[in-house]
């Protein structure tokens, strides 16, 4: 009976040691996780011409690695209820670097007179073109193209 208890204790000790040694703690190293983008940009030749752009004003655009952060103003009751999508199409023009023309689709079903600002970041990796290392992203409503290098 003592041998079975001893074996059980050894098994429990081994399992406990394995469990605690396999856990990663935040203070184990200097690894800092950078939060990802909020949304994924898409290429959609059908939806692109249907996207309305009159219900907002773009106030800032920043490219941060693979995330394109877009800040806009629009009227509404609560910007947390807005849905934003970045819809793009590849330009047919023979230019270098190649271009992707984009529009922001803001879905805002609220009818309030207040004006709010919201920033959303989009993962623009779908805009990469095989064989290229950069692409210019043109945003409808923003005067300056963004050079996305990857």
N, C-alpha and C. Protein backbone atom coordinates (compact mmCIF):
# COMPACT_ATOMS: atom_id res chain seq x y z
N UNK A 1 0.82 -1.20 0.00
CA UNK A 1 0.00 0.00 0.00
C UNK A 1 0.86 1.26 0.00
N UNK A 2 1.99 1.25 0.79
CA UNK A 2 2.88 2.40 0.84
C UNK A 2 3.53 2.64 -0.52
N UNK A 3 3.83 1.58 -1.27
CA UNK A 3 4.44 1.73 -2.58
C UNK A 3 3.49 2.42 -3.55
N UNK A 4 2.18 2.11 -3.48
CA UNK A 4 1.20 2.75 -4.36
C UNK A 4 1.05 4.23 -4.04
N UNK A 5 1.08 4.55 -2.76
CA UNK A 5 0.99 5.96 -2.36
C UNK A 5 2.24 6.71 -2.80
N UNK A 6 3.40 6.08 -2.66
CA UNK A 6 4.65 6.69 -3.09
C UNK A 6 4.65 6.92 -4.59
N UNK A 7 4.18 5.94 -5.37
CA UNK A 7 4.09 6.09 -6.83
C UNK A 7 3.13 7.21 -7.20
N UNK A 8 2.01 7.27 -6.49
CA UNK A 8 1.03 8.32 -6.75
C UNK A 8 1.64 9.69 -6.46
N UNK A 9 2.36 9.82 -5.37
CA UNK A 9 3.00 11.09 -5.01
C UNK A 9 4.02 11.50 -6.07
N UNK A 10 4.78 10.53 -6.58
CA UNK A 10 5.78 10.83 -7.61
C UNK A 10 5.09 11.30 -8.89
N UNK A 11 3.99 10.65 -9.27
CA UNK A 11 3.25 11.04 -10.46
C UNK A 11 2.69 12.45 -10.29
N UNK A 12 2.10 12.73 -9.13
CA UNK A 12 1.54 14.05 -8.87
C UNK A 12 2.65 15.10 -8.89
N UNK A 13 3.80 14.79 -8.31
CA UNK A 13 4.92 15.72 -8.31
C UNK A 13 5.42 15.98 -9.73
N UNK A 14 5.53 14.95 -10.54
CA UNK A 14 5.96 15.12 -11.93
C UNK A 14 4.96 15.95 -12.72
N UNK A 15 3.69 15.67 -12.56
CA UNK A 15 2.67 16.45 -13.27
C UNK A 15 2.68 17.91 -12.85
N UNK A 16 2.80 18.15 -11.55
CA UNK A 16 2.83 19.52 -11.04
C UNK A 16 4.06 20.26 -11.56
N UNK A 17 5.21 19.61 -11.53
CA UNK A 17 6.44 20.23 -12.03
C UNK A 17 6.33 20.54 -13.52
N UNK A 18 5.79 19.60 -14.28
CA UNK A 18 5.62 19.82 -15.73
C UNK A 18 4.67 20.97 -15.98
N UNK A 19 3.58 21.03 -15.23
CA UNK A 19 2.59 22.09 -15.42
C UNK A 19 3.20 23.46 -15.17
N UNK A 20 3.87 23.62 -14.03
CA UNK A 20 4.40 24.94 -13.69
C UNK A 20 5.61 25.33 -14.53
N UNK A 21 6.38 24.37 -14.99
CA UNK A 21 7.53 24.73 -15.82
C UNK A 21 7.13 25.04 -17.25
N UNK A 22 5.94 24.61 -17.67
CA UNK A 22 5.52 24.88 -19.04
C UNK A 22 4.73 26.18 -19.18
N UNK A 23 4.35 26.79 -18.08
CA UNK A 23 3.60 28.05 -18.14
C UNK A 23 4.56 29.19 -18.47
N UNK A 24 4.08 30.13 -19.26
CA UNK A 24 4.86 31.32 -19.56
C UNK A 24 4.32 32.46 -18.73
N UNK A 25 5.19 33.12 -18.06
CA UNK A 25 4.79 34.27 -17.26
C UNK A 25 5.20 35.53 -17.99
N UNK A 26 4.50 36.61 -17.72
CA UNK A 26 4.78 37.87 -18.40
C UNK A 26 6.19 38.38 -18.10
N UNK A 27 6.73 38.03 -16.92
CA UNK A 27 8.04 38.54 -16.58
C UNK A 27 9.16 37.59 -17.00
N UNK A 28 8.86 36.56 -17.78
CA UNK A 28 9.88 35.61 -18.23
C UNK A 28 10.90 36.23 -19.17
N UNK A 29 10.50 37.20 -19.97
CA UNK A 29 11.41 37.77 -20.95
C UNK A 29 10.98 39.18 -21.29
N UNK A 30 11.66 39.74 -22.25
CA UNK A 30 11.37 41.11 -22.65
C UNK A 30 10.42 41.15 -23.84
N UNK A 31 9.63 40.10 -24.04
CA UNK A 31 8.71 40.06 -25.17
C UNK A 31 7.51 40.96 -24.89
N UNK A 32 7.29 41.89 -25.78
CA UNK A 32 6.14 42.80 -25.66
C UNK A 32 5.21 42.51 -26.83
N UNK A 33 3.98 42.20 -26.52
CA UNK A 33 3.04 41.92 -27.60
C UNK A 33 2.39 43.23 -28.04
N UNK A 34 2.46 43.48 -29.32
CA UNK A 34 1.86 44.68 -29.90
C UNK A 34 0.46 44.30 -30.35
N UNK A 35 -0.55 45.05 -29.93
CA UNK A 35 -1.91 44.71 -30.34
C UNK A 35 -2.06 44.80 -31.85
N UNK A 36 -2.88 43.92 -32.40
CA UNK A 36 -3.08 43.88 -33.85
C UNK A 36 -4.04 44.95 -34.32
N UNK A 37 -4.34 44.89 -35.56
CA UNK A 37 -5.26 45.83 -36.17
C UNK A 37 -6.69 45.47 -35.75
N UNK A 38 -7.58 46.48 -35.79
CA UNK A 38 -8.98 46.24 -35.44
C UNK A 38 -9.70 45.42 -36.50
N UNK A 39 -9.48 45.74 -37.75
CA UNK A 39 -10.23 45.14 -38.86
C UNK A 39 -9.27 44.72 -39.97
N UNK A 40 -9.75 43.91 -40.87
CA UNK A 40 -8.95 43.49 -42.03
C UNK A 40 -9.47 44.22 -43.26
N UNK A 41 -8.57 44.84 -44.00
CA UNK A 41 -8.94 45.49 -45.26
C UNK A 41 -9.26 44.40 -46.28
N UNK A 42 -10.13 44.72 -47.23
CA UNK A 42 -10.51 43.73 -48.24
C UNK A 42 -10.40 44.33 -49.64
N UNK A 43 -10.18 43.45 -50.61
CA UNK A 43 -10.26 43.81 -52.02
C UNK A 43 -11.61 43.30 -52.51
N UNK A 44 -12.42 44.19 -53.08
CA UNK A 44 -13.75 43.78 -53.54
C UNK A 44 -14.17 44.68 -54.70
N UNK A 45 -14.00 44.18 -55.93
CA UNK A 45 -14.33 44.96 -57.13
C UNK A 45 -15.81 45.24 -57.26
N UNK A 46 -16.65 44.39 -56.70
CA UNK A 46 -18.09 44.56 -56.81
C UNK A 46 -18.60 45.59 -55.81
N UNK A 47 -18.14 45.50 -54.58
CA UNK A 47 -18.64 46.39 -53.52
C UNK A 47 -18.06 47.80 -53.61
N UNK A 48 -16.82 47.93 -54.11
CA UNK A 48 -16.14 49.21 -54.12
C UNK A 48 -16.97 50.35 -54.72
N UNK A 49 -17.55 50.19 -55.91
CA UNK A 49 -18.31 51.32 -56.47
C UNK A 49 -19.59 51.64 -55.70
N UNK A 50 -20.05 50.74 -54.86
CA UNK A 50 -21.29 50.94 -54.11
C UNK A 50 -21.07 51.65 -52.78
N UNK A 51 -19.82 51.82 -52.37
CA UNK A 51 -19.53 52.41 -51.05
C UNK A 51 -19.73 53.92 -51.10
N UNK A 52 -20.61 54.41 -50.23
CA UNK A 52 -20.86 55.85 -50.11
C UNK A 52 -19.80 56.46 -49.18
N UNK A 53 -19.34 57.65 -49.52
CA UNK A 53 -18.31 58.29 -48.71
C UNK A 53 -18.72 59.68 -48.21
N UNK A 54 -20.00 60.01 -48.31
CA UNK A 54 -20.46 61.35 -47.93
C UNK A 54 -20.76 61.49 -46.45
N UNK A 55 -20.82 60.40 -45.69
CA UNK A 55 -21.29 60.49 -44.31
C UNK A 55 -20.16 60.61 -43.28
N UNK A 56 -18.96 61.01 -43.72
CA UNK A 56 -17.85 61.19 -42.79
C UNK A 56 -16.79 62.10 -43.41
N UNK A 57 -15.87 62.55 -42.56
CA UNK A 57 -14.72 63.33 -42.99
C UNK A 57 -13.49 62.70 -42.36
N UNK A 58 -12.50 62.36 -43.19
CA UNK A 58 -11.25 61.79 -42.67
C UNK A 58 -10.41 62.91 -42.09
N UNK A 59 -9.92 62.72 -40.86
CA UNK A 59 -9.11 63.75 -40.21
C UNK A 59 -7.65 63.34 -40.03
N UNK A 60 -7.35 62.05 -40.09
CA UNK A 60 -5.97 61.63 -39.94
C UNK A 60 -5.79 60.21 -40.49
N UNK A 61 -4.61 59.96 -41.05
CA UNK A 61 -4.26 58.63 -41.56
C UNK A 61 -2.80 58.38 -41.18
N UNK A 62 -2.55 57.22 -40.57
CA UNK A 62 -1.20 56.86 -40.17
C UNK A 62 -0.98 55.39 -40.50
N UNK A 63 0.14 55.10 -41.16
CA UNK A 63 0.52 53.71 -41.43
C UNK A 63 1.49 53.28 -40.34
N UNK A 64 1.15 52.22 -39.63
CA UNK A 64 1.96 51.69 -38.56
C UNK A 64 2.22 50.21 -38.86
N UNK A 65 3.35 49.93 -39.51
CA UNK A 65 3.68 48.58 -39.98
C UNK A 65 2.61 48.10 -40.96
N UNK A 66 1.88 47.03 -40.63
CA UNK A 66 0.84 46.51 -41.52
C UNK A 66 -0.54 47.06 -41.17
N UNK A 67 -0.63 47.99 -40.23
CA UNK A 67 -1.92 48.56 -39.81
C UNK A 67 -2.05 49.99 -40.32
N UNK A 68 -3.12 50.25 -41.02
CA UNK A 68 -3.43 51.59 -41.49
C UNK A 68 -4.49 52.16 -40.56
N UNK A 69 -4.10 53.15 -39.75
CA UNK A 69 -5.00 53.77 -38.78
C UNK A 69 -5.68 54.96 -39.42
N UNK A 70 -7.00 54.93 -39.44
CA UNK A 70 -7.78 56.00 -40.06
C UNK A 70 -8.70 56.60 -39.00
N UNK A 71 -8.62 57.93 -38.87
CA UNK A 71 -9.48 58.66 -37.94
C UNK A 71 -10.46 59.47 -38.77
N UNK A 72 -11.73 59.40 -38.39
CA UNK A 72 -12.74 60.18 -39.11
C UNK A 72 -13.75 60.77 -38.15
N UNK A 73 -14.42 61.79 -38.64
CA UNK A 73 -15.51 62.44 -37.91
C UNK A 73 -16.82 62.15 -38.63
N UNK A 74 -17.87 61.96 -37.84
CA UNK A 74 -19.20 61.77 -38.41
C UNK A 74 -20.22 62.09 -37.34
N UNK A 75 -21.43 62.39 -37.77
CA UNK A 75 -22.48 62.64 -36.79
C UNK A 75 -23.07 61.31 -36.36
N UNK A 76 -23.61 61.31 -35.16
CA UNK A 76 -24.21 60.10 -34.62
C UNK A 76 -24.45 60.24 -33.14
N UNK A 77 -24.85 59.16 -32.53
CA UNK A 77 -25.13 59.16 -31.09
C UNK A 77 -23.99 58.53 -30.30
N UNK A 78 -23.35 57.51 -30.88
CA UNK A 78 -22.31 56.78 -30.17
C UNK A 78 -21.39 56.11 -31.18
N UNK A 79 -20.13 56.54 -31.28
CA UNK A 79 -19.23 55.95 -32.28
C UNK A 79 -18.93 54.47 -32.02
N UNK A 80 -19.19 53.99 -30.81
CA UNK A 80 -18.99 52.56 -30.54
C UNK A 80 -19.97 51.70 -31.33
N UNK A 81 -21.04 52.30 -31.83
CA UNK A 81 -22.03 51.56 -32.63
C UNK A 81 -21.73 51.61 -34.13
N UNK A 82 -20.67 52.30 -34.52
CA UNK A 82 -20.32 52.39 -35.94
C UNK A 82 -19.55 51.14 -36.37
N UNK A 83 -19.77 50.72 -37.59
CA UNK A 83 -18.97 49.68 -38.22
C UNK A 83 -18.22 50.31 -39.37
N UNK A 84 -16.92 50.05 -39.43
CA UNK A 84 -16.10 50.63 -40.49
C UNK A 84 -15.38 49.51 -41.23
N UNK A 85 -15.36 49.62 -42.55
CA UNK A 85 -14.66 48.66 -43.41
C UNK A 85 -13.80 49.44 -44.39
N UNK A 86 -12.66 48.88 -44.76
CA UNK A 86 -11.80 49.47 -45.77
C UNK A 86 -11.87 48.57 -46.99
N UNK A 87 -12.50 49.08 -48.06
CA UNK A 87 -12.74 48.32 -49.28
C UNK A 87 -11.80 48.88 -50.36
N UNK A 88 -11.08 48.00 -51.04
CA UNK A 88 -10.14 48.46 -52.05
C UNK A 88 -10.24 47.70 -53.35
N UNK A 89 -9.69 48.31 -54.40
CA UNK A 89 -9.55 47.68 -55.72
C UNK A 89 -8.16 48.03 -56.23
N UNK A 90 -7.56 47.11 -56.95
CA UNK A 90 -6.26 47.37 -57.56
C UNK A 90 -6.46 48.27 -58.77
N UNK A 91 -5.61 49.26 -58.88
CA UNK A 91 -5.67 50.17 -60.02
C UNK A 91 -5.20 49.45 -61.28
N UNK A 92 -5.84 49.76 -62.39
CA UNK A 92 -5.45 49.17 -63.67
C UNK A 92 -4.35 49.98 -64.36
N UNK A 93 -4.04 51.15 -63.81
CA UNK A 93 -3.01 52.00 -64.40
C UNK A 93 -1.64 51.35 -64.26
N UNK A 94 -0.84 51.47 -65.30
CA UNK A 94 0.52 50.91 -65.29
C UNK A 94 1.46 51.92 -64.64
N UNK A 95 1.50 51.94 -63.31
CA UNK A 95 2.33 52.88 -62.58
C UNK A 95 3.20 52.10 -61.59
N UNK A 96 4.29 52.75 -61.19
CA UNK A 96 5.12 52.16 -60.15
C UNK A 96 5.27 53.17 -59.03
N UNK A 97 5.05 52.80 -57.82
CA UNK A 97 4.59 51.49 -57.39
C UNK A 97 3.12 51.26 -57.75
N UNK A 98 2.70 50.00 -57.80
CA UNK A 98 1.29 49.72 -58.09
C UNK A 98 0.39 50.39 -57.05
N UNK A 99 -0.86 50.63 -57.43
CA UNK A 99 -1.77 51.35 -56.55
C UNK A 99 -3.00 50.52 -56.21
N UNK A 100 -3.51 50.77 -55.01
CA UNK A 100 -4.79 50.23 -54.57
C UNK A 100 -5.64 51.43 -54.20
N UNK A 101 -6.79 51.58 -54.83
CA UNK A 101 -7.73 52.65 -54.49
C UNK A 101 -8.71 52.12 -53.45
N UNK A 102 -8.92 52.90 -52.41
CA UNK A 102 -9.76 52.43 -51.30
C UNK A 102 -10.84 53.45 -50.93
N UNK A 103 -11.86 52.93 -50.28
CA UNK A 103 -12.92 53.74 -49.69
C UNK A 103 -13.23 53.17 -48.31
N UNK A 104 -13.58 54.06 -47.42
CA UNK A 104 -14.02 53.62 -46.10
C UNK A 104 -15.53 53.50 -46.14
N UNK A 105 -16.01 52.36 -45.74
CA UNK A 105 -17.45 52.16 -45.62
C UNK A 105 -17.80 52.36 -44.15
N UNK A 106 -18.55 53.43 -43.86
CA UNK A 106 -19.01 53.70 -42.49
C UNK A 106 -20.48 53.35 -42.41
N UNK A 107 -20.77 52.38 -41.57
CA UNK A 107 -22.16 52.01 -41.33
C UNK A 107 -22.58 52.63 -40.02
N UNK A 108 -23.40 53.67 -40.13
CA UNK A 108 -23.84 54.45 -38.98
C UNK A 108 -25.35 54.65 -39.13
N UNK A 109 -26.12 53.94 -38.36
CA UNK A 109 -27.58 53.99 -38.49
C UNK A 109 -28.22 54.94 -37.48
N UNK A 110 -27.41 55.77 -36.84
CA UNK A 110 -27.93 56.67 -35.82
C UNK A 110 -28.16 58.06 -36.42
N UNK A 111 -29.20 58.70 -35.97
CA UNK A 111 -29.53 60.04 -36.45
C UNK A 111 -29.48 61.03 -35.29
N UNK A 112 -28.29 61.42 -34.90
CA UNK A 112 -28.10 62.42 -33.85
C UNK A 112 -27.30 63.57 -34.43
N UNK A 113 -27.41 64.72 -33.81
CA UNK A 113 -26.72 65.90 -34.32
C UNK A 113 -25.32 66.07 -33.75
N UNK A 114 -24.92 65.23 -32.84
CA UNK A 114 -23.58 65.33 -32.27
C UNK A 114 -22.56 64.80 -33.28
N UNK A 115 -21.35 65.34 -33.20
CA UNK A 115 -20.26 64.88 -34.09
C UNK A 115 -19.22 64.19 -33.22
N UNK A 116 -18.84 62.99 -33.63
CA UNK A 116 -17.86 62.19 -32.90
C UNK A 116 -16.69 61.87 -33.80
N UNK A 117 -15.62 61.46 -33.16
CA UNK A 117 -14.42 61.03 -33.87
C UNK A 117 -14.11 59.60 -33.47
N UNK A 118 -13.64 58.82 -34.44
CA UNK A 118 -13.29 57.43 -34.16
C UNK A 118 -12.09 57.05 -35.00
N UNK A 119 -11.17 56.26 -34.41
CA UNK A 119 -10.01 55.75 -35.11
C UNK A 119 -10.11 54.23 -35.17
N UNK A 120 -9.93 53.68 -36.36
CA UNK A 120 -9.92 52.24 -36.56
C UNK A 120 -8.66 51.91 -37.35
N UNK A 121 -8.01 50.81 -36.99
CA UNK A 121 -6.84 50.38 -37.75
C UNK A 121 -7.21 49.16 -38.58
N UNK A 122 -6.72 49.15 -39.80
CA UNK A 122 -7.03 48.08 -40.76
C UNK A 122 -5.75 47.34 -41.13
N UNK A 123 -5.81 46.04 -41.11
CA UNK A 123 -4.71 45.19 -41.57
C UNK A 123 -4.70 45.25 -43.09
N UNK A 124 -3.66 45.85 -43.66
CA UNK A 124 -3.60 46.05 -45.11
C UNK A 124 -2.78 44.98 -45.83
N UNK A 125 -2.46 43.89 -45.16
CA UNK A 125 -1.70 42.83 -45.84
C UNK A 125 -2.44 42.26 -47.05
N UNK A 126 -3.79 42.28 -47.12
CA UNK A 126 -4.43 41.82 -48.35
C UNK A 126 -4.11 42.69 -49.57
N UNK A 127 -3.57 43.88 -49.36
CA UNK A 127 -3.23 44.77 -50.47
C UNK A 127 -1.84 44.49 -51.05
N UNK A 128 -1.11 43.58 -50.45
CA UNK A 128 0.20 43.22 -50.99
C UNK A 128 0.04 42.59 -52.36
N UNK A 129 1.00 42.87 -53.23
CA UNK A 129 0.98 42.34 -54.59
C UNK A 129 2.17 41.41 -54.75
N UNK A 130 1.94 40.17 -55.14
CA UNK A 130 3.05 39.23 -55.32
C UNK A 130 4.08 39.78 -56.29
N UNK A 131 5.36 39.62 -55.93
CA UNK A 131 6.44 40.11 -56.77
C UNK A 131 6.79 41.57 -56.54
N UNK A 132 6.05 42.25 -55.69
CA UNK A 132 6.30 43.66 -55.37
C UNK A 132 6.68 43.76 -53.89
N UNK A 133 7.34 44.86 -53.53
CA UNK A 133 7.65 45.09 -52.12
C UNK A 133 7.03 46.38 -51.59
N UNK A 134 6.22 47.01 -52.42
CA UNK A 134 5.52 48.23 -51.99
C UNK A 134 4.29 48.46 -52.87
N UNK A 135 3.34 49.16 -52.29
CA UNK A 135 2.13 49.53 -53.02
C UNK A 135 1.65 50.87 -52.46
N UNK A 136 1.13 51.71 -53.33
CA UNK A 136 0.57 53.00 -52.89
C UNK A 136 -0.92 52.79 -52.62
N UNK A 137 -1.36 53.20 -51.43
CA UNK A 137 -2.77 53.10 -51.06
C UNK A 137 -3.38 54.49 -51.15
N UNK A 138 -4.32 54.66 -52.07
CA UNK A 138 -5.04 55.92 -52.23
C UNK A 138 -6.39 55.78 -51.52
N UNK A 139 -6.67 56.71 -50.62
CA UNK A 139 -7.90 56.66 -49.84
C UNK A 139 -8.82 57.78 -50.32
N UNK A 140 -10.02 57.40 -50.76
CA UNK A 140 -11.01 58.39 -51.19
C UNK A 140 -11.31 59.32 -50.02
N UNK A 141 -11.11 60.62 -50.22
CA UNK A 141 -11.35 61.59 -49.16
C UNK A 141 -10.09 62.02 -48.43
N UNK A 142 -8.95 61.46 -48.81
CA UNK A 142 -7.67 61.84 -48.22
C UNK A 142 -6.74 62.22 -49.36
N UNK A 143 -6.14 63.39 -49.30
CA UNK A 143 -5.39 63.94 -50.43
C UNK A 143 -4.05 63.26 -50.70
N UNK A 144 -3.47 62.60 -49.74
CA UNK A 144 -2.14 62.04 -49.89
C UNK A 144 -2.20 60.52 -49.92
N UNK A 145 -1.54 59.94 -50.93
CA UNK A 145 -1.43 58.49 -50.98
C UNK A 145 -0.47 57.99 -49.92
N UNK A 146 -0.68 56.78 -49.46
CA UNK A 146 0.14 56.17 -48.43
C UNK A 146 1.02 55.11 -49.09
N UNK A 147 2.34 55.21 -48.92
CA UNK A 147 3.25 54.22 -49.48
C UNK A 147 3.42 53.10 -48.46
N UNK A 148 2.88 51.93 -48.79
CA UNK A 148 2.95 50.76 -47.92
C UNK A 148 4.08 49.88 -48.43
N UNK A 149 5.16 49.79 -47.63
CA UNK A 149 6.31 48.97 -48.00
C UNK A 149 6.31 47.73 -47.11
N UNK A 150 6.58 46.58 -47.71
CA UNK A 150 6.55 45.31 -46.98
C UNK A 150 7.67 44.41 -47.42
